[in-house]
Amino acid sequence: MNRKLYRTRGPDAILFGVCGGIAERFCIDPVLARAALVLLVCFKGLSLWLYLLAALLLPPKSRYYPEP
């Protein structure tokens, strides 16, 4: 199965939709992805930079996966 990584839109997108896209890609709850991000930001400052970079580089969901 070919699953792409992208930013989500709608109810799973809180700030930029990066955690929602990661959660959808790995079939986990978006709350778990956000909690992992918060823990990583608290213990390592680098993950915040990676989040912002992903927000800039990941395409939005509607570009490659049009919504019906």
Protein backbone atom coordinates (compact mmCIF):
# COMPACT_ATOMS: atom_id res chain seq x y z
CA MET A 1 0.00 0.00 0.00
CA ASN A 2 1.45 3.34 -1.06
CA ARG A 3 0.76 5.92 1.67
CA LYS A 4 2.19 9.43 1.42
CA LEU A 5 3.10 11.83 4.19
CA TYR A 6 1.22 15.11 4.01
CA ARG A 7 -0.36 17.82 6.16
CA THR A 8 -4.01 17.27 7.04
CA ARG A 9 -6.83 19.76 6.93
CA GLY A 10 -10.04 19.87 8.89
CA PRO A 11 -10.56 18.52 12.40
CA ASP A 12 -7.17 16.76 12.59
CA ALA A 13 -5.26 19.97 11.84
CA ILE A 14 -4.68 22.10 14.93
CA LEU A 15 -1.73 24.33 14.02
CA PHE A 16 -0.35 23.34 10.62
CA GLY A 17 -1.68 19.79 10.30
CA VAL A 18 1.71 18.08 10.57
CA CYS A 19 0.86 15.91 13.58
CA GLY A 20 -2.47 14.97 12.00
CA GLY A 21 -0.69 13.88 8.82
CA ILE A 22 1.90 11.89 10.74
CA ALA A 23 -0.85 10.22 12.77
CA GLU A 24 -2.79 9.33 9.62
CA ARG A 25 0.33 7.94 7.95
CA PHE A 26 1.23 5.67 10.88
CA CYS A 27 -2.41 4.85 11.84
CA ILE A 28 -2.25 6.30 15.35
CA ASP A 29 -4.39 8.80 17.21
CA PRO A 30 -3.46 12.45 16.46
CA VAL A 31 -3.45 13.15 20.22
CA LEU A 32 -0.58 10.67 20.64
CA ALA A 33 1.40 12.38 17.88
CA ARG A 34 0.84 15.78 19.50
CA ALA A 35 1.79 14.44 22.94
CA ALA A 36 5.01 12.99 21.50
CA LEU A 37 5.78 16.35 19.90
CA VAL A 38 5.24 18.19 23.20
CA LEU A 39 7.49 15.73 25.04
CA LEU A 40 10.20 16.06 22.40
CA VAL A 41 10.01 19.86 22.48
CA CYS A 42 10.33 19.83 26.27
CA PHE A 43 13.38 17.57 26.26
CA LYS A 44 14.99 18.42 22.90
CA GLY A 45 14.62 21.80 21.19
CA LEU A 46 15.46 20.40 17.77
CA SER A 47 12.05 18.82 17.24
CA LEU A 48 10.35 22.23 17.16
CA TRP A 49 12.59 23.20 14.24
CA LEU A 50 11.78 19.92 12.50
CA TYR A 51 8.07 20.55 13.01
CA LEU A 52 8.32 24.00 11.43
CA LEU A 53 10.39 22.59 8.56
CA ALA A 54 7.78 19.87 7.99
CA ALA A 55 5.04 22.50 8.01
CA LEU A 56 6.84 24.29 5.19
CA LEU A 57 7.83 21.26 3.12
CA LEU A 58 4.94 18.79 3.41
CA PRO A 59 2.20 19.26 0.82
CA PRO A 60 -1.37 19.70 2.00
CA LYS A 61 -3.68 16.69 1.72
CA SER A 62 -5.92 18.15 -0.98
CA ARG A 63 -3.08 18.53 -3.49
CA TYR A 64 -2.36 14.80 -3.86
CA TYR A 65 -5.48 13.33 -2.29
CA PRO A 66 -8.49 15.38 -3.36
CA GLU A 67 -11.39 15.19 -0.97
CA PRO A 68 -14.66 13.86 -2.47
